[in-house]
Protein backbone atom coordinates (compact mmCIF):
# COMPACT_ATOMS: atom_id res chain seq x y z
CA MET A 1 111.56 89.86 75.57
CA ASN A 2 110.98 86.23 74.40
CA TYR A 3 113.88 86.73 71.80
CA ALA A 4 116.07 88.33 74.50
CA ASP A 5 115.59 85.42 76.84
CA SER A 6 116.23 83.00 73.95
CA GLU A 7 119.44 84.65 73.42
CA ARG A 8 120.56 84.09 76.89
CA ILE A 9 119.47 80.60 76.80
CA ALA A 10 121.51 79.90 73.84
CA SER A 11 124.58 81.40 75.41
CA VAL A 12 124.33 79.19 78.44
CA LEU A 13 123.78 75.96 76.35
CA GLU A 14 126.72 76.81 74.12
CA LYS A 15 129.02 77.46 77.15
CA ILE A 16 128.30 74.10 78.67
CA GLY A 17 129.03 72.27 75.42
CA TYR A 18 125.92 72.09 73.56
CA LYS A 19 125.88 72.98 69.83
CA LYS A 20 122.74 74.04 67.90
CA SER A 21 121.24 71.28 65.85
CA SER A 22 119.46 71.96 62.62
CA ASP A 23 117.67 68.76 62.75
CA ILE A 24 115.33 68.03 65.56
CA GLU A 25 115.38 64.29 64.81
CA LYS A 26 119.18 64.47 65.91
CA ALA A 27 118.79 66.64 68.97
CA ASP A 28 119.73 65.60 72.52
CA LEU A 29 118.09 68.50 74.07
CA ILE A 30 115.06 70.30 73.08
CA LEU A 31 114.17 73.35 74.95
CA VAL A 32 111.04 75.37 74.49
CA ASN A 33 111.00 79.19 75.66
CA MET A 34 107.25 79.89 75.89
CA CYS A 35 105.49 83.06 75.32
CA SER A 36 102.42 83.01 77.56
CA VAL A 37 100.57 86.15 76.61
CA ARG A 38 98.14 84.59 74.22
CA GLN A 39 96.35 81.20 74.73
CA SER A 40 97.28 80.40 71.01
CA ALA A 41 100.96 80.47 71.91
CA VAL A 42 100.35 77.90 74.84
CA ASP A 43 98.22 75.74 72.53
CA ARG A 44 100.98 75.71 70.03
CA VAL A 45 103.48 74.35 72.92
CA PHE A 46 100.87 71.60 73.34
CA GLY A 47 101.19 70.49 69.67
CA ILE A 48 105.21 70.74 69.84
CA ALA A 49 105.08 68.49 72.97
CA THR A 50 103.05 65.93 71.00
CA ARG A 51 105.87 65.84 68.44
CA PHE A 52 108.22 65.09 71.40
CA LYS A 53 106.53 62.13 72.37
CA GLU A 54 106.81 60.80 68.75
CA LEU A 55 110.62 61.55 68.74
CA LYS A 56 110.94 59.57 72.17
CA THR A 57 109.04 56.66 70.92
CA LYS A 58 111.14 56.55 67.95
CA ASN A 59 114.31 56.83 69.77
CA TYR A 60 113.35 54.07 72.07
CA LYS A 61 112.82 51.79 68.97
CA LEU A 62 116.34 53.06 67.77
CA THR A 63 117.58 51.81 71.17
CA LEU A 64 116.32 48.34 70.96
CA ARG A 65 117.72 47.96 67.45
CA GLN A 66 121.11 49.14 68.85
CA ALA A 67 120.65 46.35 71.64
CA GLN A 68 120.09 43.89 68.91
CA GLY A 69 123.30 44.78 67.20
CA ASP A 70 122.04 47.29 64.72
CA GLY A 71 124.93 49.58 65.69
CA GLU A 72 122.95 52.89 65.56
CA ARG A 73 123.77 55.52 68.08
CA SER A 74 121.16 55.71 70.85
CA ARG A 75 120.48 58.76 72.91
CA THR A 76 118.45 60.09 75.60
CA ILE A 77 116.26 62.91 74.48
CA LYS A 78 115.72 65.60 77.11
CA THR A 79 112.88 68.12 76.88
CA ILE A 80 112.67 71.43 78.96
CA LEU A 81 110.11 73.96 79.31
CA THR A 82 110.69 77.50 80.34
CA GLY A 83 109.74 81.12 79.72
CA CYS A 84 106.37 82.59 80.92
CA VAL A 85 104.60 79.58 82.31
CA LEU A 86 101.63 79.91 84.75
CA LYS A 87 101.33 77.65 87.70
CA LYS A 88 98.18 76.17 86.10
CA ASP A 89 99.96 75.64 82.82
CA LYS A 90 103.09 74.01 84.69
CA ILE A 91 100.60 71.26 85.96
CA LYS A 92 99.10 70.49 82.51
CA PHE A 93 102.58 70.57 80.88
CA LYS A 94 104.32 68.27 83.68
CA LYS A 95 103.57 65.04 81.75
CA LYS A 96 104.68 66.59 78.40
CA PHE A 97 108.30 67.78 79.55
CA ASP A 98 111.07 66.19 81.55
CA LEU A 99 111.54 69.42 83.34
CA ILE A 100 109.77 72.72 83.71
CA SER A 101 112.05 75.56 84.74
CA ASP A 102 111.36 79.32 85.59
CA ILE A 103 113.32 81.63 83.13
CA LYS A 104 114.74 83.33 86.31
CA ASP A 105 116.41 79.94 87.04
CA LEU A 106 118.48 79.98 83.76
CA PRO A 107 121.81 80.51 85.67
CA ARG A 108 121.13 76.80 87.27
CA LEU A 109 120.53 75.22 83.87
CA PRO A 110 124.08 73.61 83.96
CA GLN A 111 123.30 71.96 87.31
CA ILE A 112 119.72 71.24 86.02
CA LEU A 113 121.36 69.32 83.11
CA ASN A 114 123.83 67.55 85.57
CA THR A 115 126.91 69.10 83.77
CA LYS A 116 130.15 69.77 85.43
CA TYR A 117 129.66 73.61 84.88
CA SER A 118 128.69 75.98 87.65
CA ILE A 119 129.83 79.11 86.09
CA PHE A 120 126.48 80.99 86.38
CA ASN A 121 125.61 80.07 90.07
CA ASN A 122 123.76 82.85 91.98
CA GLN A 123 123.85 85.06 89.03
CA ASP A 124 120.75 87.32 88.02
CA TYR A 125 119.80 85.70 84.58
CA LEU A 126 119.63 89.17 82.94
CA LYS A 127 123.41 89.56 83.54
CA ILE A 128 124.14 86.57 81.30
CA LYS A 129 125.83 87.66 78.29
CA PRO A 130 123.52 86.82 75.19
CA LYS A 131 124.30 84.99 72.12
CA TYR A 132 123.22 87.63 69.83
CA GLN A 133 121.15 86.63 66.61
CA ASN A 134 123.03 89.02 64.46
CA LYS A 135 125.91 91.49 64.83
CA PHE A 136 124.07 94.76 64.28
CA SER A 137 120.83 94.61 66.33
CA ALA A 138 120.65 93.91 70.02
CA PHE A 139 117.90 93.56 72.47
CA VAL A 140 118.67 94.94 75.88
CA PRO A 141 116.18 94.23 78.72
CA ILE A 142 116.19 97.12 80.93
CA MET A 143 113.55 95.58 83.36
CA THR A 144 111.30 92.66 83.86
CA GLY A 145 107.94 92.09 85.43
CA CYS A 146 104.85 94.11 85.40
CA ASN A 147 102.75 95.98 88.13
CA ASN A 148 99.76 96.79 85.78
CA PHE A 149 97.58 93.62 85.97
CA CYS A 150 95.57 94.27 82.83
CA SER A 151 92.65 91.96 83.17
CA TYR A 152 93.58 90.02 80.05
CA CYS A 153 97.18 89.42 80.71
CA VAL A 154 99.24 86.91 82.68
CA VAL A 155 102.64 88.64 82.66
CA PRO A 156 102.49 89.71 86.24
CA TYR A 157 101.73 86.20 87.36
CA THR A 158 104.61 84.66 85.10
CA ARG A 159 107.11 87.35 85.48
CA GLY A 160 106.43 88.88 88.76
CA GLN A 161 106.48 92.42 89.79
CA GLU A 162 108.65 95.10 88.20
CA ILE A 163 112.39 94.88 88.58
CA SER A 164 114.69 97.41 86.97
CA ARG A 165 118.19 96.75 85.97
CA PRO A 166 120.87 99.23 87.38
CA THR A 167 121.65 102.09 84.99
CA LYS A 168 125.39 101.50 85.62
CA GLU A 169 124.98 97.97 84.34
CA LEU A 170 122.94 98.82 81.29
CA LEU A 171 125.29 101.58 80.06
CA SER A 172 128.19 99.26 80.35
CA GLU A 173 126.47 96.64 78.27
CA ILE A 174 125.23 99.12 75.65
CA LYS A 175 128.66 100.69 75.29
CA ASN A 176 130.28 97.35 74.62
CA LEU A 177 127.80 96.68 72.01
CA ILE A 178 128.34 100.00 70.29
CA ARG A 179 132.35 99.17 70.41
CA LYS A 180 131.51 96.00 68.69
CA GLY A 181 129.68 97.62 65.88
CA PHE A 182 126.03 97.23 66.74
CA LYS A 183 123.69 99.74 64.95
CA GLU A 184 120.42 99.34 66.64
CA ILE A 185 119.75 99.06 70.36
CA TRP A 186 116.35 97.99 71.53
CA LEU A 187 115.51 98.88 75.20
CA LEU A 188 112.87 96.33 76.39
CA GLY A 189 110.54 95.93 79.34
CA GLN A 190 106.84 94.90 79.82
CA ASN A 191 106.52 98.78 80.53
CA VAL A 192 109.75 100.72 79.94
CA ASN A 193 107.96 103.81 80.97
CA SER A 194 108.00 102.78 84.58
CA TYR A 195 111.97 102.05 84.68
CA VAL A 196 113.66 103.55 87.73
CA SER A 197 117.15 102.94 88.95
CA ARG A 198 118.77 104.43 92.02
CA ILE A 199 121.66 107.04 91.61
CA ASP A 200 125.13 105.50 92.00
CA THR A 201 127.23 108.46 93.38
CA ASN A 202 130.31 107.20 91.68
CA MET A 203 128.57 106.76 88.23
CA ALA A 204 129.90 109.92 86.63
CA THR A 205 133.48 108.73 87.42
CA ASN A 206 132.98 105.34 86.13
CA PHE A 207 132.60 106.30 82.39
CA THR A 208 134.49 108.27 79.87
CA ASN A 209 133.46 111.80 78.77
CA ASP A 210 130.81 110.75 76.56
CA ILE A 211 128.37 110.27 79.38
CA SER A 212 130.07 111.39 82.56
CA ASP A 213 128.88 114.91 82.26
CA ILE A 214 125.22 113.88 81.92
CA CYS A 215 125.64 111.36 84.86
CA ALA A 216 126.95 114.25 86.98
CA GLN A 217 124.04 116.56 85.84
CA ILE A 218 121.41 113.90 86.61
CA SER A 219 123.05 113.29 90.04
CA GLU A 220 122.70 116.76 91.08
CA ASN A 221 119.06 117.23 90.19
CA SER A 222 117.47 113.72 91.13
CA ARG A 223 118.01 110.72 93.25
CA VAL A 224 116.70 108.36 90.72
CA ILE A 225 117.04 107.70 87.02
CA ASN A 226 113.78 107.38 85.25
CA PHE A 227 113.39 106.28 81.61
CA PRO A 228 113.58 109.54 80.03
CA LYS A 229 116.74 110.24 81.78
CA LEU A 230 118.00 106.68 80.86
CA LEU A 231 117.10 107.55 77.15
CA LYS A 232 119.31 110.73 77.48
CA MET A 233 122.32 108.81 78.97
CA VAL A 234 122.14 106.29 76.16
CA ASN A 235 121.87 108.92 73.49
CA GLU A 236 124.99 110.40 74.63
CA ILE A 237 127.14 107.32 74.31
CA THR A 238 129.74 107.98 71.25
CA GLY A 239 128.76 106.13 68.19
CA ASN A 240 126.57 105.99 65.39
CA PHE A 241 123.42 103.98 66.32
CA TRP A 242 119.81 103.98 66.69
CA ILE A 243 117.77 103.72 69.82
CA ARG A 244 114.34 102.01 69.85
CA PHE A 245 112.26 100.88 72.87
CA THR A 246 109.04 98.84 73.57
CA SER A 247 106.63 98.46 75.17
CA SER A 248 104.90 101.71 76.58
CA HIS A 249 101.84 102.02 78.64
CA PRO A 250 99.89 105.21 78.03
CA LYS A 251 99.34 105.75 81.70
CA ASP A 252 102.99 106.50 82.32
CA PHE A 253 103.67 108.48 79.29
CA SER A 254 104.95 111.82 80.59
CA ASP A 255 105.74 115.04 78.85
CA GLU A 256 109.37 114.41 80.21
CA LEU A 257 109.41 111.24 77.86
CA ILE A 258 108.18 113.04 74.97
CA ASP A 259 110.68 115.85 75.27
CA ALA A 260 113.58 113.29 75.63
CA MET A 261 112.47 111.34 72.42
CA ALA A 262 112.19 114.52 70.50
CA ASN A 263 115.63 115.93 71.75
CA CYS A 264 117.57 112.66 71.46
CA LYS A 265 118.85 112.45 67.93
CA LYS A 266 119.71 108.68 68.26
CA VAL A 267 115.99 107.91 69.52
CA THR A 268 114.19 106.95 66.22
CA GLU A 269 110.92 108.26 65.06
CA TYR A 270 108.92 105.19 65.85
CA LEU A 271 106.49 104.38 68.90
CA ASN A 272 104.42 101.49 69.72
CA LEU A 273 101.77 102.85 72.05
CA PRO A 274 99.06 100.27 72.90
CA VAL A 275 95.46 101.50 73.12
CA GLN A 276 93.71 97.93 73.40
CA SER A 277 90.30 99.40 72.86
CA GLY A 278 88.72 102.60 71.60
CA ASP A 279 86.00 102.47 74.31
CA ASP A 280 86.36 103.92 77.84
CA GLU A 281 83.87 101.22 79.23
CA ILE A 282 85.89 98.52 77.82
CA LEU A 283 89.24 100.06 78.83
CA LYS A 284 87.86 100.01 82.59
CA LYS A 285 87.05 96.18 82.15
CA MET A 286 90.55 95.66 80.84
CA ASN A 287 91.84 97.50 83.91
CA ARG A 288 93.63 100.16 81.55
CA PRO A 289 93.74 103.30 83.74
CA TYR A 290 93.35 105.90 81.16
CA THR A 291 90.46 107.50 78.89
CA ILE A 292 90.53 107.71 75.23
CA LYS A 293 90.48 111.49 75.73
CA LYS A 294 93.65 111.21 77.62
CA TYR A 295 95.29 108.68 75.15
CA LYS A 296 94.52 111.14 72.20
CA GLU A 297 96.06 113.97 73.95
CA ILE A 298 99.19 112.05 74.33
CA VAL A 299 99.36 111.29 70.83
CA ARG A 300 98.67 114.90 69.90
CA LYS A 301 101.57 116.06 72.15
CA ILE A 302 103.85 113.51 70.61
CA ARG A 303 103.06 114.44 66.92
CA ASN A 304 103.49 118.17 67.63
CA LYS A 305 106.96 117.57 69.26
CA ILE A 306 107.86 114.83 66.73
CA PRO A 307 106.57 115.55 63.27
CA GLY A 308 106.52 112.48 60.98
CA ILE A 309 106.70 109.92 63.72
CA SER A 310 105.42 106.48 62.72
CA LEU A 311 102.69 105.31 65.38
CA SER A 312 101.76 101.80 65.89
CA THR A 313 99.18 100.25 68.53
CA ASP A 314 97.78 96.99 69.83
CA ILE A 315 94.17 96.62 69.95
CA ILE A 316 91.90 93.79 70.95
CA VAL A 317 88.54 93.14 69.31
CA GLY A 318 85.75 90.98 70.88
CA PHE A 319 86.64 91.62 74.76
CA PRO A 320 84.10 90.18 76.92
CA GLY A 321 81.00 92.50 76.90
CA GLU A 322 82.41 94.46 73.88
CA THR A 323 78.91 95.51 72.09
CA LYS A 324 78.65 96.89 68.48
CA LYS A 325 78.45 100.31 69.95
CA HIS A 326 81.92 99.84 71.90
CA PHE A 327 83.48 98.47 68.63
CA GLU A 328 82.44 101.34 66.59
CA ASN A 329 84.39 103.66 69.06
CA SER A 330 87.53 101.56 68.19
CA VAL A 331 86.59 101.97 64.42
CA LYS A 332 86.46 105.69 65.14
CA LEU A 333 89.67 105.83 67.01
CA LEU A 334 91.46 104.14 64.17
CA LYS A 335 90.11 106.46 61.53
CA GLU A 336 91.06 109.63 63.76
CA ILE A 337 94.49 108.49 64.89
CA LYS A 338 95.48 107.06 61.41
CA TYR A 339 98.08 104.65 62.62
CA ASP A 340 100.96 103.40 60.50
CA MET A 341 100.62 99.96 62.00
CA ALA A 342 98.45 98.06 64.52
CA TYR A 343 98.74 94.62 66.08
CA ILE A 344 95.18 93.50 66.00
CA ALA A 345 94.12 90.46 68.18
CA LYS A 346 90.87 88.63 68.62
CA TYR A 347 90.16 88.17 72.19
CA SER A 348 90.66 84.51 73.40
CA PRO A 349 90.23 83.87 77.23
CA ARG A 350 93.59 83.31 78.92
CA ALA A 351 93.45 80.89 81.96
CA GLY A 352 94.51 82.52 85.23
CA THR A 353 93.45 86.19 84.07
CA ILE A 354 90.66 88.07 85.82
CA ALA A 355 88.89 88.43 82.23
CA SER A 356 88.90 84.73 81.85
CA LYS A 357 86.30 84.68 84.58
CA LEU A 358 83.96 86.96 82.44
CA LYS A 359 81.60 85.54 79.83
CA ASP A 360 83.08 85.27 76.45
CA ASP A 361 79.98 86.60 74.75
CA VAL A 362 81.14 87.71 71.32
CA SER A 363 81.22 85.04 68.86
CA ILE A 364 84.20 83.89 66.97
CA LYS A 365 82.34 84.72 63.68
CA GLU A 366 81.76 88.33 65.01
CA LYS A 367 85.36 88.66 66.33
CA GLY A 368 86.58 87.68 62.76
CA ARG A 369 84.20 90.31 61.19
CA ARG A 370 85.35 93.11 63.55
CA TYR A 371 89.04 91.96 62.82
CA LYS A 372 88.57 92.38 59.22
CA ILE A 373 86.95 95.89 59.52
CA LEU A 374 89.96 97.32 61.55
CA THR A 375 92.44 95.57 59.35
CA GLU A 376 90.76 97.31 56.24
CA ILE A 377 90.78 100.70 57.93
CA LEU A 378 94.48 100.19 58.82
CA LYS A 379 95.39 99.20 55.29
CA LYS A 380 93.98 102.37 53.88
CA THR A 381 95.64 104.53 56.42
CA ALA A 382 98.85 102.63 56.29
CA LEU A 383 98.96 103.15 52.59
CA GLU A 384 98.33 107.02 52.84
CA LYS A 385 101.09 107.12 55.21
CA ASN A 386 103.46 105.40 53.15
CA LYS A 387 102.73 107.43 50.01
CA GLN A 388 104.21 110.46 51.72
CA TYR A 389 107.72 108.60 51.42
CA ILE A 390 107.46 108.44 47.45
CA GLY A 391 110.36 110.48 46.05
CA LYS A 392 112.16 110.91 49.30
CA GLU A 393 115.63 109.80 50.39
CA VAL A 394 115.73 107.69 53.56
CA GLU A 395 118.24 106.17 55.74
CA VAL A 396 117.71 102.43 55.97
CA LEU A 397 119.37 99.85 58.28
CA VAL A 398 119.74 96.64 56.02
CA GLU A 399 118.84 93.43 57.79
CA SER A 400 118.55 90.72 55.59
CA ARG A 401 118.87 89.59 51.97
CA LYS A 402 117.04 86.98 49.85
CA SER A 403 117.35 85.70 46.23
CA ASP A 404 115.03 86.41 43.65
CA VAL A 405 114.89 83.04 41.88
CA GLU A 406 112.76 84.04 39.01
CA GLY A 407 114.48 87.43 38.30
CA GLY A 408 118.12 85.96 39.07
CA ASN A 409 118.66 89.23 41.31
CA TYR A 410 119.00 89.62 44.87
CA ILE A 411 116.67 91.54 47.36
CA LEU A 412 117.72 93.53 50.41
CA PHE A 413 115.24 94.13 53.38
CA GLY A 414 115.68 96.83 55.87
CA LYS A 415 113.93 99.32 58.31
CA THR A 416 113.92 102.97 58.16
CA ARG A 417 114.16 104.95 61.49
CA THR A 418 110.37 105.09 61.43
CA TYR A 419 110.33 101.28 61.31
CA LYS A 420 108.93 100.90 57.89
CA THR A 421 110.16 97.76 55.98
CA VAL A 422 112.04 98.62 52.76
CA LYS A 423 112.62 96.35 49.91
CA LEU A 424 115.67 96.94 47.57
CA GLN A 425 116.47 94.90 44.58
CA THR A 426 120.00 94.74 43.18
CA THR A 427 121.94 92.76 40.86
CA ASN A 428 125.37 93.26 42.62
CA CYS A 429 125.69 90.05 44.78
CA LYS A 430 129.01 91.29 46.36
CA LEU A 431 127.49 94.76 47.08
CA GLN A 432 124.40 93.49 48.71
CA THR A 433 126.27 91.04 50.91
CA ASN A 434 128.39 93.86 52.30
CA LEU A 435 125.41 96.06 53.08
CA VAL A 436 123.80 93.68 55.55
CA GLY A 437 124.20 95.53 59.08
CA GLN A 438 124.84 98.81 57.63
CA PHE A 439 123.18 102.01 57.18
CA VAL A 440 122.40 103.09 53.47
CA LYS A 441 120.53 105.92 51.81
CA ILE A 442 117.54 104.61 49.81
CA LYS A 443 115.34 106.68 47.55
CA ILE A 444 111.79 105.50 47.75
CA LEU A 445 110.13 104.72 44.34
CA GLY A 446 107.14 102.72 45.34
CA VAL A 447 104.89 101.97 48.32
CA LEU A 448 102.41 99.29 49.71
CA PRO A 449 100.38 99.26 52.67
CA TRP A 450 103.02 97.41 54.71
CA GLY A 451 106.26 98.53 53.22
CA LEU A 452 108.35 100.71 50.86
CA LYS A 453 110.42 100.03 47.63
CA GLY A 454 113.36 101.86 46.51
CA ILE A 455 116.92 101.99 45.27
CA LEU A 456 120.33 102.91 46.64
CA VAL A 457 121.20 106.54 46.28
């Protein structure tokens, strides 16, 4: 979501006359789009803000030299903070930035910067056309906000309550992306499972044959479009592309969604399903309303319906009150589920959350120890999973290329449908340049815990 917001910010700035600067020393405007989920991200912004002060001091001296006939160009450096910012953090950052603006106020940015442009007035910021980072993979937010109030998370306080975008608007945006040749569509939301949009009675007549039939069918059977139905509708759009989505909450993971994932050919075999802890008592403290038994049942259903699916998770170690026994349940879960990937975080208090009021009673050293234990388990299971790919031919979307200085060759990097990173080495410079943003067939010859190696078929 942070990337998707940044793409919209870049679009607005470009339309009002700004150009991206590769040198912060020469910038007139520095805008920070902050993620507020972890305290470490907020701390980094404090570090960045200190750098701004140095730049402004340097610019002041430059202006003095100009006044004395130096002839150098002076400029006024403006700094803006936006994104997910708590009220408490806004107070702390007030003296660090010239302006702090809510991401929802992005349409007003031209006015805020005192430009002559007013092209975005009174517009929902999610309707602003993004400046995409590349021409083959697009982030499409389907909703914003969150109603879950997990005890460690600030998103409901920075993003507000859940608001879903109209289905008609989303389908039009995605169809346009596919017409332009995009190969991968990421559907984004703090909790995509809870997406809901009211039926537009004219929806079926507003689209061409590829999705008009399914629109009509859904309109007959339901008054609302939920996330599984949205997946089906996007899947019916004509074109050769993949559908991915994040993030999902286990409490809302229905059988209908599992069936939609299994039956929609364009939905890739990859899922991030955050568990956060392997212990029911800790889950309750986290305000995660499901049990480990329920979570494992969801995983069982998913793997039965979608054999070979790649499963990742998010997990926190050292949450307040997490004893060694609680932690052992997380160890047990990782060994049992055998994830392809896990994003493991060491708990740190986040001001403004319910959990921040609890005693942070697990030492930094112990958090590090637990982090290392889970990482080692993950490393072994991920390698086991990846070994199953050896000798197989898989479809890969090539994302980037890098030069291999020592070997004089070029290396391509891409992702499989199961979101595995693949490394492909080639000596053909022209060929590998043309492959970026394309689907290719790769034969896997070697594996590592965090990726695969292969050759073009």
